[in-house]
Amino acid sequence: MSSPPSYSSRPPAAYPPGPPPGAQPGSATVAPPRPVPGYLPDRETARRDEALLLRLGYSQVLTREMGGFSNFAISFTIISVLAGCLTSYYLAFNNGGPVAITWGWLLVGGFCVLVSMAMAEVASSMPTAGALYFWASKLGGPAWGWFTGWFNLIGGIAVTAAIQYGSAIFMTALLNLWMPSLVGTDTTAIFITFTAIVALQLGLNLLGVNVLAKLNTLSAWWHMSGVGLIVVILLVVPTEHQSVAFVFTETINNSGFSDNAFWFVFGLGLLMSQYTVTGYDASAHMSEETRSASRATALGMIWAVVASVVFGFVLLVAVTFAVPDVQGVLDAGGNAVIYIWTEATNEAWAEFMLIIAVIAQLFCGTASLTSASRMMFAFSRDKAVPGSRLWRRVARNRVPVNAVIAISVTSWALMIPTLANGVVGYAVGTSIAVIGLYIAFGLPIILRIKAGARFEPGAWSLGKHYKWVSTIAVVWIALVCVLFLLPISPNGVPWSDEFAWESVNYAPLTVGGALLLFGGWYLVSARKWFTGPVREASAQEELEHVRSESGRRF
């Protein structure tokens, strides 16, 4: 890795903010966005945001329509306890049981809060759409940025695909309640529903960011009220509940591995929690569309994780109390939560809760696509993605349309293996999402530790606590990545007597293949031309920026 370059994230005191100048046609940097009718942003805040972005090398291309709550809302929506917890509940129930669901959630949640705090400090210093990739490039050099960017992009595609496929499982179940003679329950029916969801969310993401900001704000309130309603229903309607001992101490090993390896099995069960509490880098990817970005991005990221841990724990406890019978839940597989709701209440209540969950999951997938497309736009803006000129184009409504389409197509393609084995295909998708994103989370945190006193904090900082917070975060990320590269079934263990390819965890092959591909590409070619973030805001533009606001003649 090359030595880290010096940098400064703060604009100098004499640098008065203001609207950036227009750019030449055909580049990622275009004329500044037209003001939105009826909206008068705080001018000083807008100036500061644009000044900092110019200092980091970019002119304002995207529209700053998001406030602090909207920034929080997109990460809270992508984490979506009504998506991740419910669609992957069976992973924890099979691998560890209630102990992995309740205590596992709190364990993972606590570490994720520390990870979010470590990331938030860096995000506050450098609030750009490139986020993790940009931070790694500035703190460690082009090679660090290259690998961070590709893992972030792959993880973003995988988590979007997994969210969309998980919502398709619930949507298919709901459609079967309404039209049982027209909709099947097999993997083909789920994949068709998944395809329709991908198309719907693609269409929504082609709308302006002001519409998406409103959707995310609505989504946050929908999630919080939805969790409350489901919890009340599951506590009041069922005639019987499991005991407190069952919810907090019962262990289940339906993995096929020996009971002597229970702690390994428990670790596999953590995939539910770790998969759910991810994607909160969205707050950073939306920073160029957020007002008071240096502070709002950091706080949005942290509070999204904290709120998700609290609401998720309450939801999981309520669902586990409502478990009607253990074997029935195990037999239900990916439909475990749907089985619990139907058997513990009745079809009408189950339908009502499914509607709440499906709408929340649609919000979640839409937000994840938004975040991933901004990452692809930013990475392409710096010429790292093949066909960068295409993916970095911004439409008249300031949406990176081509990047949205590219993420949609690749996320759809990633789930094609579910046609052969839905459970394994979905588990592999979630594993790739967790590993890809958390490697991308970890690399800039490592570099922040290495930077030490050279690091210039933004509006939000850990201060002297960065050392222990960041160190624990990195250790946890390393543990999680190793854990989710391991076989998820005895039949997936290479060279075992019962080895079967349909039971293999393809995450090591996928992640390893990506590492070889992008590593080889970098060594053979990219290191000769990839220089990290491309400074699109020139010194002359910055000078004109100062002149336009100060009225002084130079």
Protein backbone atom coordinates (compact mmCIF):
# COMPACT_ATOMS: atom_id res chain seq x y z
CA MET A 1 0.00 0.00 0.00
CA SER A 2 1.25 3.46 -0.77
CA SER A 3 1.94 5.87 2.03
CA PRO A 4 -1.07 7.95 3.07
CA PRO A 5 -1.17 11.44 1.61
CA SER A 6 -1.71 14.47 3.77
CA TYR A 7 -5.14 16.00 3.61
CA SER A 8 -7.41 18.44 5.29
CA SER A 9 -11.16 18.06 5.52
CA ARG A 10 -11.79 21.57 6.81
CA PRO A 11 -12.11 24.62 4.60
CA PRO A 12 -9.81 27.46 5.63
CA ALA A 13 -11.32 30.22 7.75
CA ALA A 14 -11.00 32.73 4.92
CA TYR A 15 -12.90 30.50 2.54
CA PRO A 16 -16.46 31.90 2.31
CA PRO A 17 -18.96 29.33 1.08
CA GLY A 18 -21.35 29.76 -1.79
CA PRO A 19 -22.79 28.01 -4.87
CA PRO A 20 -20.23 26.22 -6.99
CA PRO A 21 -19.68 27.29 -10.56
CA GLY A 22 -21.03 25.28 -13.49
CA ALA A 23 -18.94 22.60 -15.05
CA GLN A 24 -18.25 21.59 -18.60
CA PRO A 25 -20.91 19.40 -20.30
CA GLY A 26 -20.21 15.69 -20.32
CA SER A 27 -18.52 15.53 -16.93
CA ALA A 28 -19.92 14.31 -13.64
CA THR A 29 -19.87 17.88 -12.36
CA VAL A 30 -22.73 19.84 -13.91
CA ALA A 31 -24.39 23.16 -13.32
CA PRO A 32 -25.63 23.75 -9.76
CA PRO A 33 -29.15 22.49 -9.08
CA ARG A 34 -32.06 24.85 -9.56
CA PRO A 35 -33.74 25.94 -6.31
CA VAL A 36 -36.73 23.87 -5.30
CA PRO A 37 -39.98 25.91 -5.34
CA GLY A 38 -41.31 26.60 -1.87
CA TYR A 39 -38.11 25.60 -0.15
CA LEU A 40 -35.72 28.13 1.37
CA PRO A 41 -32.72 26.39 2.91
CA ASP A 42 -30.60 28.06 5.56
CA ARG A 43 -28.17 29.95 3.34
CA GLU A 44 -25.26 29.81 5.73
CA THR A 45 -25.66 26.05 6.16
CA ALA A 46 -25.80 25.56 2.40
CA ARG A 47 -22.68 27.65 1.96
CA ARG A 48 -20.75 25.69 4.55
CA ASP A 49 -21.79 22.36 3.04
CA GLU A 50 -20.80 23.41 -0.47
CA ALA A 51 -17.54 24.93 0.77
CA LEU A 52 -16.51 21.72 2.50
CA LEU A 53 -17.46 19.64 -0.55
CA LEU A 54 -15.40 21.92 -2.79
CA ARG A 55 -12.49 21.62 -0.39
CA LEU A 56 -12.75 17.84 -0.69
CA GLY A 57 -12.57 18.18 -4.47
CA TYR A 58 -16.14 18.14 -5.75
CA SER A 59 -18.69 20.70 -6.90
CA GLN A 60 -22.30 20.40 -5.78
CA VAL A 61 -23.99 18.11 -8.32
CA LEU A 62 -26.71 16.43 -6.27
CA THR A 63 -29.50 18.39 -4.60
CA ARG A 64 -29.33 18.88 -0.80
CA GLU A 65 -32.93 18.01 0.03
CA MET A 66 -32.37 15.89 3.14
CA GLY A 67 -32.36 17.15 6.70
CA GLY A 68 -30.95 15.36 9.72
CA PHE A 69 -34.03 13.20 10.27
CA SER A 70 -34.18 12.17 6.61
CA ASN A 71 -30.52 11.18 6.78
CA PHE A 72 -31.22 9.10 9.89
CA ALA A 73 -34.31 7.68 8.21
CA ILE A 74 -32.52 6.22 5.19
CA SER A 75 -30.11 4.19 7.36
CA PHE A 76 -32.90 3.23 9.78
CA THR A 77 -34.95 2.13 6.77
CA ILE A 78 -32.14 0.06 5.25
CA ILE A 79 -31.42 -1.64 8.57
CA SER A 80 -35.20 -2.24 8.75
CA VAL A 81 -35.92 -4.58 11.64
CA LEU A 82 -39.20 -5.40 9.87
CA ALA A 83 -37.15 -6.73 6.96
CA GLY A 84 -33.94 -8.29 8.25
CA CYS A 85 -35.25 -9.66 11.55
CA LEU A 86 -38.35 -11.21 10.01
CA THR A 87 -36.97 -12.57 6.74
CA SER A 88 -33.89 -14.16 8.37
CA TYR A 89 -35.47 -15.14 11.71
CA TYR A 90 -35.20 -18.81 10.81
CA LEU A 91 -31.41 -18.56 10.45
CA ALA A 92 -31.09 -17.77 14.15
CA PHE A 93 -33.91 -20.11 15.22
CA ASN A 94 -32.24 -23.05 13.44
CA ASN A 95 -28.76 -22.13 14.61
CA GLY A 96 -28.92 -21.48 18.33
CA GLY A 97 -32.63 -20.97 18.88
CA PRO A 98 -34.11 -18.26 21.12
CA VAL A 99 -30.73 -17.65 22.78
CA ALA A 100 -29.23 -16.67 19.42
CA ILE A 101 -32.27 -14.50 18.70
CA THR A 102 -32.44 -12.49 21.94
CA TRP A 103 -28.94 -12.45 23.43
CA GLY A 104 -27.38 -12.73 19.99
CA TRP A 105 -29.24 -9.60 18.92
CA LEU A 106 -28.01 -7.61 21.91
CA LEU A 107 -24.44 -8.87 21.42
CA VAL A 108 -24.32 -7.92 17.75
CA GLY A 109 -26.20 -4.69 18.36
CA GLY A 110 -23.72 -3.51 20.97
CA PHE A 111 -20.74 -4.07 18.70
CA CYS A 112 -22.52 -2.47 15.75
CA VAL A 113 -23.06 0.70 17.80
CA LEU A 114 -19.28 0.89 18.27
CA VAL A 115 -18.70 0.29 14.55
CA SER A 116 -21.16 3.04 13.68
CA MET A 117 -19.42 5.46 16.06
CA ALA A 118 -16.02 4.71 14.53
CA MET A 119 -17.42 5.24 11.03
CA ALA A 120 -19.34 8.36 12.04
CA GLU A 121 -16.18 10.15 13.13
CA VAL A 122 -14.61 9.68 9.70
CA ALA A 123 -17.88 10.48 7.92
CA SER A 124 -18.08 13.79 9.78
CA SER A 125 -14.59 14.69 8.61
CA MET A 126 -15.20 13.81 4.94
CA PRO A 127 -18.91 13.92 4.03
CA THR A 128 -18.94 12.77 0.38
CA ALA A 129 -21.07 10.30 -1.57
CA GLY A 130 -18.02 8.08 -2.03
CA ALA A 131 -17.94 7.66 1.75
CA LEU A 132 -15.90 4.58 2.75
CA TYR A 133 -13.96 4.51 -0.50
CA PHE A 134 -13.16 8.22 -0.33
CA TRP A 135 -12.07 7.99 3.32
CA ALA A 136 -9.77 5.03 2.63
CA SER A 137 -8.23 6.80 -0.36
CA LYS A 138 -7.52 9.97 1.57
CA LEU A 139 -6.22 8.20 4.68
CA GLY A 140 -4.29 5.38 3.03
CA GLY A 141 -3.82 6.05 -0.66
CA PRO A 142 -5.26 4.71 -3.95
CA ALA A 143 -4.78 0.98 -3.25
CA TRP A 144 -6.77 1.16 0.00
CA GLY A 145 -9.46 3.16 -1.76
CA TRP A 146 -9.63 0.71 -4.65
CA PHE A 147 -10.28 -2.36 -2.49
CA THR A 148 -12.58 -0.53 -0.08
CA GLY A 149 -14.63 0.80 -2.96
CA TRP A 150 -15.10 -2.55 -4.64
CA PHE A 151 -16.03 -4.36 -1.43
CA ASN A 152 -18.46 -1.55 -0.63
CA LEU A 153 -20.02 -1.76 -4.07
CA ILE A 154 -20.30 -5.57 -4.02
CA GLY A 155 -21.73 -5.48 -0.50
CA GLY A 156 -24.22 -2.79 -1.51
CA ILE A 157 -25.42 -4.84 -4.47
CA ALA A 158 -25.68 -8.00 -2.34
CA VAL A 159 -27.57 -6.38 0.53
CA THR A 160 -29.99 -4.77 -1.93
CA ALA A 161 -30.58 -8.14 -3.59
CA ALA A 162 -31.07 -9.92 -0.26
CA ILE A 163 -33.52 -7.28 0.98
CA GLN A 164 -35.52 -7.46 -2.23
CA TYR A 165 -35.60 -11.27 -2.23
CA GLY A 166 -36.56 -11.39 1.45
CA SER A 167 -39.44 -9.01 0.80
CA ALA A 168 -40.49 -11.22 -2.12
CA ILE A 169 -40.89 -14.16 0.29
CA PHE A 170 -43.27 -12.12 2.45
CA MET A 171 -45.06 -10.57 -0.53
CA THR A 172 -45.63 -14.02 -2.06
CA ALA A 173 -47.11 -15.26 1.22
CA LEU A 174 -49.43 -12.25 1.33
CA LEU A 175 -50.53 -12.74 -2.27
CA ASN A 176 -51.27 -16.39 -1.50
CA LEU A 177 -53.69 -15.28 1.21
CA TRP A 178 -55.50 -13.12 -1.34
CA MET A 179 -55.17 -15.25 -4.50
CA PRO A 180 -54.22 -18.82 -3.53
CA SER A 181 -55.24 -20.24 -6.91
CA LEU A 182 -53.07 -17.81 -8.90
CA VAL A 183 -49.88 -17.54 -6.86
CA GLY A 184 -47.65 -20.46 -5.94
CA THR A 185 -45.26 -20.82 -3.04
CA ASP A 186 -42.31 -22.38 -4.86
CA THR A 187 -39.01 -20.69 -5.68
CA THR A 188 -40.23 -19.74 -9.16
CA ALA A 189 -43.22 -17.84 -7.76
CA ILE A 190 -40.98 -16.05 -5.26
CA PHE A 191 -38.50 -15.14 -8.01
CA ILE A 192 -41.24 -13.70 -10.19
CA THR A 193 -42.42 -11.58 -7.26
CA PHE A 194 -38.80 -10.59 -6.62
CA THR A 195 -38.46 -9.44 -10.23
CA ALA A 196 -41.58 -7.27 -9.92
CA ILE A 197 -40.23 -5.72 -6.70
CA VAL A 198 -36.90 -4.91 -8.38
CA ALA A 199 -38.76 -3.16 -11.21
CA LEU A 200 -40.96 -1.20 -8.77
CA GLN A 201 -38.03 0.01 -6.70
CA LEU A 202 -36.06 0.93 -9.80
CA GLY A 203 -38.96 3.14 -10.89
CA LEU A 204 -39.20 4.85 -7.49
CA ASN A 205 -35.48 5.58 -7.52
CA LEU A 206 -35.75 7.42 -10.81
CA LEU A 207 -37.76 10.10 -9.03
CA GLY A 208 -36.07 13.12 -7.49
CA VAL A 209 -34.30 13.01 -4.14
CA ASN A 210 -37.01 15.21 -2.62
CA VAL A 211 -39.51 12.40 -3.20
CA LEU A 212 -37.10 9.80 -1.83
CA ALA A 213 -36.42 11.94 1.25
CA LYS A 214 -40.15 12.08 1.97
CA LEU A 215 -40.45 8.32 1.44
CA ASN A 216 -37.62 7.68 3.90
CA THR A 217 -39.15 9.97 6.51
CA LEU A 218 -42.49 8.20 6.10
CA SER A 219 -40.66 4.88 6.28
CA ALA A 220 -39.03 5.70 9.62
CA TRP A 221 -42.39 6.45 11.20
CA TRP A 222 -43.94 3.40 9.51
CA HIS A 223 -41.25 1.15 10.98
CA MET A 224 -41.58 2.51 14.51
CA SER A 225 -45.38 2.42 14.58
CA GLY A 226 -45.42 -0.92 12.75
CA VAL A 227 -43.18 -2.56 15.33
CA GLY A 228 -45.43 -1.19 18.07
CA LEU A 229 -48.58 -2.59 16.47
CA ILE A 230 -47.08 -6.03 15.82
CA VAL A 231 -45.74 -6.27 19.38
CA VAL A 232 -49.15 -5.38 20.85
CA ILE A 233 -50.91 -7.91 18.61
CA LEU A 234 -48.49 -10.71 19.52
CA LEU A 235 -48.80 -9.98 23.23
CA VAL A 236 -52.60 -9.65 23.31
CA VAL A 237 -54.12 -11.90 20.63
CA PRO A 238 -52.46 -15.33 21.14
CA THR A 239 -54.11 -17.47 23.81
CA GLU A 240 -50.78 -19.02 24.82
CA HIS A 241 -47.22 -17.74 25.03
CA GLN A 242 -43.84 -19.30 25.57
CA SER A 243 -42.19 -18.87 28.96
CA VAL A 244 -39.56 -16.29 29.81
CA ALA A 245 -37.11 -19.16 30.24
CA PHE A 246 -37.81 -20.33 26.67
CA VAL A 247 -37.28 -16.88 25.18
CA PHE A 248 -34.02 -16.14 26.99
CA THR A 249 -32.41 -19.52 27.73
CA GLU A 250 -33.68 -22.13 25.23
CA THR A 251 -31.10 -23.46 22.79
CA ILE A 252 -31.83 -25.22 19.49
CA ASN A 253 -29.42 -26.89 17.10
CA ASN A 254 -31.12 -27.78 13.85
CA SER A 255 -28.02 -27.08 11.76
CA GLY A 256 -26.90 -30.67 11.40
CA PHE A 257 -23.66 -29.96 13.23
CA SER A 258 -22.89 -31.78 16.48
CA ASP A 259 -24.14 -30.31 19.76
CA ASN A 260 -20.50 -30.29 20.84
CA ALA A 261 -20.03 -27.47 18.34
CA PHE A 262 -22.93 -25.42 19.73
CA TRP A 263 -20.97 -22.18 20.09
CA PHE A 264 -20.03 -22.42 16.43
CA VAL A 265 -23.70 -23.00 15.63
CA PHE A 266 -24.61 -20.01 17.83
CA GLY A 267 -22.14 -17.97 15.79
CA LEU A 268 -23.91 -18.99 12.58
CA GLY A 269 -27.15 -17.81 14.16
CA LEU A 270 -25.67 -14.34 14.57
CA LEU A 271 -26.02 -13.92 10.80
CA MET A 272 -29.64 -12.84 11.36
CA SER A 273 -28.59 -9.97 13.61
CA GLN A 274 -25.47 -8.98 11.70
CA TYR A 275 -27.26 -9.06 8.35
CA THR A 276 -30.05 -6.90 9.73
CA VAL A 277 -27.82 -4.26 11.32
CA THR A 278 -25.94 -3.31 8.20
CA GLY A 279 -26.26 -0.80 5.39
CA TYR A 280 -26.05 2.19 7.71
CA ASP A 281 -23.24 3.61 5.60
CA ALA A 282 -26.20 4.95 3.60
CA SER A 283 -26.12 8.07 5.77
CA ALA A 284 -22.61 8.74 4.48
CA HIS A 285 -23.46 7.97 0.85
CA MET A 286 -26.29 10.52 1.06
CA SER A 287 -24.11 13.20 2.65
CA GLU A 288 -23.88 15.26 -0.55
CA GLU A 289 -27.68 15.43 -0.47
CA THR A 290 -27.90 16.27 3.26
CA ARG A 291 -27.88 19.69 4.89
CA SER A 292 -25.35 20.26 7.71
CA ALA A 293 -23.71 17.11 6.38
CA SER A 294 -20.68 17.02 8.68
CA ARG A 295 -22.86 16.66 11.76
CA ALA A 296 -26.12 15.21 10.40
CA THR A 297 -24.39 12.32 8.63
CA ALA A 298 -22.54 11.19 11.76
CA LEU A 299 -25.55 11.43 14.05
CA GLY A 300 -27.85 9.87 11.46
CA MET A 301 -25.61 6.82 11.27
CA ILE A 302 -25.27 6.34 15.03
CA TRP A 303 -28.90 6.92 15.95
CA ALA A 304 -30.08 4.65 13.14
CA VAL A 305 -28.15 1.76 14.71
CA VAL A 306 -29.18 2.58 18.29
CA ALA A 307 -32.87 2.91 17.39
CA SER A 308 -32.76 -0.29 15.35
CA VAL A 309 -31.20 -2.26 18.21
CA VAL A 310 -33.95 -1.11 20.59
CA PHE A 311 -36.90 -1.64 18.23
CA GLY A 312 -35.47 -4.90 16.91
CA PHE A 313 -35.03 -6.37 20.37
CA VAL A 314 -38.63 -5.60 21.33
CA LEU A 315 -39.88 -7.09 18.06
CA LEU A 316 -37.81 -10.29 18.32
CA VAL A 317 -38.84 -10.89 21.93
CA ALA A 318 -42.52 -10.52 21.01
CA VAL A 319 -42.22 -12.88 18.02
CA THR A 320 -40.36 -15.49 20.10
CA PHE A 321 -42.92 -15.36 22.92
CA ALA A 322 -45.57 -16.13 20.29
CA VAL A 323 -43.85 -19.29 18.94
CA PRO A 324 -46.65 -21.92 18.86
CA ASP A 325 -44.45 -25.02 18.54
CA VAL A 326 -40.76 -25.46 17.89
CA GLN A 327 -40.95 -28.18 15.25
CA GLY A 328 -43.49 -26.24 13.22
CA VAL A 329 -41.19 -23.22 13.12
CA LEU A 330 -38.22 -25.38 12.10
CA ASP A 331 -40.24 -27.04 9.35
CA ALA A 332 -41.41 -23.66 8.03
CA GLY A 333 -37.86 -22.61 7.09
CA GLY A 334 -37.84 -19.19 5.46
CA ASN A 335 -41.54 -18.78 6.27
CA ALA A 336 -40.94 -19.22 10.02
CA VAL A 337 -42.32 -15.82 11.07
CA ILE A 338 -45.33 -16.17 8.77
CA TYR A 339 -46.03 -19.57 10.36
CA ILE A 340 -45.74 -18.09 13.87
CA TRP A 341 -48.13 -15.25 13.07
CA THR A 342 -50.69 -17.49 11.39
CA GLU A 343 -50.71 -20.19 14.08
CA ALA A 344 -50.44 -17.87 17.09
CA THR A 345 -53.21 -15.51 15.97
CA ASN A 346 -55.42 -16.18 12.95
CA GLU A 347 -55.38 -15.53 9.24
CA ALA A 348 -56.87 -12.03 9.52
CA TRP A 349 -54.32 -10.82 12.08
CA ALA A 350 -51.50 -12.55 10.18
CA GLU A 351 -52.59 -10.77 7.01
CA PHE A 352 -52.63 -7.42 8.82
CA MET A 353 -49.09 -7.94 10.18
CA LEU A 354 -47.89 -9.14 6.78
CA ILE A 355 -49.14 -5.93 5.17
CA ILE A 356 -47.21 -3.88 7.74
CA ALA A 357 -44.05 -5.92 7.16
CA VAL A 358 -44.26 -5.99 3.35
CA ILE A 359 -44.68 -2.22 3.08
CA ALA A 360 -41.72 -1.73 5.45
CA GLN A 361 -39.63 -4.14 3.38
CA LEU A 362 -40.49 -2.28 0.18
CA PHE A 363 -39.34 0.95 1.83
CA CYS A 364 -36.15 -0.85 2.86
CA GLY A 365 -35.28 -2.15 -0.60
CA THR A 366 -35.97 1.23 -2.17
CA ALA A 367 -33.62 2.96 0.27
CA SER A 368 -30.91 0.33 -0.20
CA LEU A 369 -31.03 0.82 -3.96
CA THR A 370 -30.71 4.58 -3.43
CA SER A 371 -27.62 4.14 -1.27
CA ALA A 372 -25.91 1.61 -3.56
CA SER A 373 -26.54 3.74 -6.64
CA ARG A 374 -24.89 6.74 -4.97
CA MET A 375 -21.88 4.60 -4.18
CA MET A 376 -21.65 3.49 -7.80
CA PHE A 377 -22.08 7.09 -8.98
CA ALA A 378 -19.27 8.30 -6.70
CA PHE A 379 -16.92 5.42 -7.56
CA SER A 380 -17.57 6.00 -11.26
CA ARG A 381 -17.03 9.74 -10.81
CA ASP A 382 -13.47 8.79 -9.88
CA LYS A 383 -13.18 6.48 -12.93
CA ALA A 384 -12.87 3.21 -10.99
CA VAL A 385 -15.80 1.34 -12.60
CA PRO A 386 -15.73 0.10 -16.21
CA GLY A 387 -17.93 2.39 -18.27
CA SER A 388 -17.56 5.17 -15.70
CA ARG A 389 -18.72 7.86 -18.13
CA LEU A 390 -22.08 6.10 -18.35
CA TRP A 391 -22.61 5.39 -14.64
CA ARG A 392 -21.65 8.86 -13.42
CA ARG A 393 -24.19 10.69 -15.57
CA VAL A 394 -26.81 12.66 -13.67
CA ALA A 395 -30.28 13.33 -15.08
CA ARG A 396 -31.99 16.72 -15.03
CA ASN A 397 -33.66 15.84 -11.72
CA ARG A 398 -30.18 15.21 -10.24
CA VAL A 399 -30.60 11.43 -10.06
CA PRO A 400 -27.76 9.12 -11.28
CA VAL A 401 -30.22 7.18 -13.44
CA ASN A 402 -27.75 4.82 -15.12
CA ALA A 403 -26.21 3.84 -11.78
CA VAL A 404 -29.70 3.07 -10.44
CA ILE A 405 -30.39 0.81 -13.42
CA ALA A 406 -27.00 -0.94 -13.13
CA ILE A 407 -27.48 -1.74 -9.43
CA SER A 408 -31.01 -3.03 -10.12
CA VAL A 409 -29.88 -5.38 -12.87
CA THR A 410 -26.90 -6.78 -10.94
CA SER A 411 -28.91 -7.28 -7.73
CA TRP A 412 -31.54 -9.16 -9.73
CA ALA A 413 -28.89 -11.36 -11.36
CA LEU A 414 -27.29 -12.17 -7.99
CA MET A 415 -30.46 -13.93 -6.84
CA ILE A 416 -30.82 -16.21 -9.88
CA PRO A 417 -29.28 -19.15 -7.90
CA THR A 418 -32.32 -19.06 -5.58
CA LEU A 419 -34.25 -20.75 -8.38
CA ALA A 420 -32.23 -23.90 -7.58
CA ASN A 421 -32.20 -23.61 -3.78
CA GLY A 422 -34.03 -20.68 -2.21
CA VAL A 423 -32.76 -21.12 1.35
CA VAL A 424 -29.08 -21.56 0.49
CA GLY A 425 -29.18 -18.91 -2.24
CA TYR A 426 -30.66 -16.36 0.15
CA ALA A 427 -28.20 -17.28 2.93
CA VAL A 428 -25.28 -16.85 0.53
CA GLY A 429 -26.64 -13.46 -0.54
CA THR A 430 -26.84 -12.30 3.07
CA SER A 431 -23.32 -13.60 3.78
CA ILE A 432 -21.85 -11.74 0.81
CA ALA A 433 -23.67 -8.60 1.92
CA VAL A 434 -22.33 -8.80 5.47
CA ILE A 435 -18.76 -9.69 4.48
CA GLY A 436 -18.50 -7.20 1.64
CA LEU A 437 -19.94 -4.29 3.58
CA TYR A 438 -18.11 -4.96 6.82
CA ILE A 439 -14.72 -5.34 5.11
CA ALA A 440 -15.44 -1.96 3.54
CA PHE A 441 -16.45 -0.63 6.97
CA GLY A 442 -13.28 -1.94 8.61
CA LEU A 443 -10.59 -0.69 6.22
CA PRO A 444 -11.10 3.06 6.76
CA ILE A 445 -11.44 2.48 10.52
CA ILE A 446 -8.02 0.79 10.51
CA LEU A 447 -6.61 3.74 8.58
CA ARG A 448 -8.16 6.20 11.00
CA ILE A 449 -6.33 4.41 13.85
CA LYS A 450 -3.08 4.61 11.87
CA ALA A 451 -3.60 8.31 11.14
CA GLY A 452 -3.64 9.16 14.84
CA ALA A 453 -3.05 12.87 15.44
CA ARG A 454 -2.87 13.55 11.68
CA PHE A 455 -6.62 12.99 11.46
CA GLU A 456 -8.60 16.22 11.37
CA PRO A 457 -12.08 15.66 12.86
CA GLY A 458 -15.26 17.20 11.57
CA ALA A 459 -18.25 18.49 13.51
CA TRP A 460 -18.61 15.18 15.42
CA SER A 461 -15.63 13.40 16.97
CA LEU A 462 -14.82 10.57 19.37
CA GLY A 463 -11.93 12.59 20.77
CA LYS A 464 -9.45 10.47 22.71
CA HIS A 465 -11.91 7.56 22.81
CA TYR A 466 -11.30 6.75 19.13
CA LYS A 467 -8.52 4.29 20.00
CA TRP A 468 -10.55 1.80 22.01
CA VAL A 469 -13.80 2.29 20.08
CA SER A 470 -12.13 1.81 16.70
CA THR A 471 -9.97 -1.10 17.88
CA ILE A 472 -12.95 -3.05 19.23
CA ALA A 473 -14.87 -2.28 16.04
CA VAL A 474 -12.08 -3.69 13.85
CA VAL A 475 -11.73 -6.87 15.96
CA TRP A 476 -15.48 -7.48 15.76
CA ILE A 477 -15.54 -6.95 12.00
CA ALA A 478 -12.67 -9.44 11.55
CA LEU A 479 -14.48 -12.05 13.68
CA VAL A 480 -17.73 -11.62 11.76
CA CYS A 481 -16.05 -11.90 8.37
CA VAL A 482 -14.27 -15.14 9.31
CA LEU A 483 -17.42 -16.61 10.84
CA PHE A 484 -19.59 -16.03 7.79
CA LEU A 485 -17.04 -17.53 5.43
CA LEU A 486 -17.42 -20.91 7.17
CA PRO A 487 -19.83 -23.67 6.04
CA ILE A 488 -23.45 -23.14 7.09
CA SER A 489 -24.36 -26.83 6.81
CA PRO A 490 -22.47 -30.13 7.39
CA ASN A 491 -23.33 -31.04 3.81
CA GLY A 492 -21.45 -27.97 2.69
CA VAL A 493 -18.16 -28.99 4.32
CA PRO A 494 -15.66 -29.87 1.55
CA TRP A 495 -14.51 -33.51 1.40
CA SER A 496 -17.20 -34.69 3.82
CA ASP A 497 -19.04 -37.92 2.99
CA GLU A 498 -22.36 -36.12 2.53
CA PHE A 499 -20.99 -33.15 0.62
CA ALA A 500 -23.51 -31.52 -1.74
CA TRP A 501 -22.91 -28.47 -3.89
CA GLU A 502 -26.40 -27.11 -3.23
CA SER A 503 -25.48 -26.81 0.47
CA VAL A 504 -22.19 -24.99 -0.08
CA ASN A 505 -21.65 -21.51 1.34
CA TYR A 506 -20.54 -19.75 -1.81
CA ALA A 507 -19.54 -16.61 0.09
CA PRO A 508 -15.82 -17.63 0.27
CA LEU A 509 -15.77 -18.35 -3.46
CA THR A 510 -17.58 -15.13 -4.30
CA VAL A 511 -15.62 -12.88 -1.95
CA GLY A 512 -12.33 -14.64 -2.73
CA GLY A 513 -13.04 -14.47 -6.44
CA ALA A 514 -13.80 -10.77 -6.15
CA LEU A 515 -10.57 -10.23 -4.22
CA LEU A 516 -8.55 -12.06 -6.88
CA LEU A 517 -10.33 -10.28 -9.72
CA PHE A 518 -10.04 -6.75 -8.39
CA GLY A 519 -6.64 -7.41 -6.82
CA GLY A 520 -5.29 -8.78 -10.08
CA TRP A 521 -6.87 -5.95 -12.01
CA TYR A 522 -5.20 -3.43 -9.72
CA LEU A 523 -1.76 -5.04 -9.94
CA VAL A 524 -1.85 -5.54 -13.70
CA SER A 525 -3.52 -2.33 -14.77
CA ALA A 526 -5.38 -0.07 -12.35
CA ARG A 527 -2.36 0.89 -10.25
CA LYS A 528 -0.96 2.61 -13.34
CA TRP A 529 -3.96 4.88 -13.85
CA PHE A 530 -6.16 4.81 -10.74
CA THR A 531 -5.18 7.67 -8.45
CA GLY A 532 -8.11 7.68 -6.05
CA PRO A 533 -10.60 10.54 -5.84
CA VAL A 534 -10.42 12.79 -8.89
CA ARG A 535 -10.41 16.43 -7.91
CA GLU A 536 -13.14 17.96 -10.09
CA ALA A 537 -13.24 21.29 -8.28
CA SER A 538 -10.09 23.05 -9.49
CA ALA A 539 -8.17 25.78 -7.73
CA GLN A 540 -9.63 28.26 -10.22
CA GLU A 541 -13.17 27.14 -9.36
CA GLU A 542 -12.45 27.59 -5.68
CA LEU A 543 -11.08 31.07 -6.37
CA GLU A 544 -14.21 31.97 -8.33
CA HIS A 545 -16.28 30.53 -5.50
CA VAL A 546 -14.60 32.88 -3.04
CA ARG A 547 -14.94 35.83 -5.41
CA SER A 548 -18.66 35.24 -6.01
CA GLU A 549 -19.44 35.46 -2.31
CA SER A 550 -17.04 38.07 -1.08
CA GLY A 551 -17.55 40.62 -3.84
CA ARG A 552 -13.84 41.41 -3.61
CA ARG A 553 -11.60 41.89 -6.65
CA PHE A 554 -8.45 39.78 -6.75
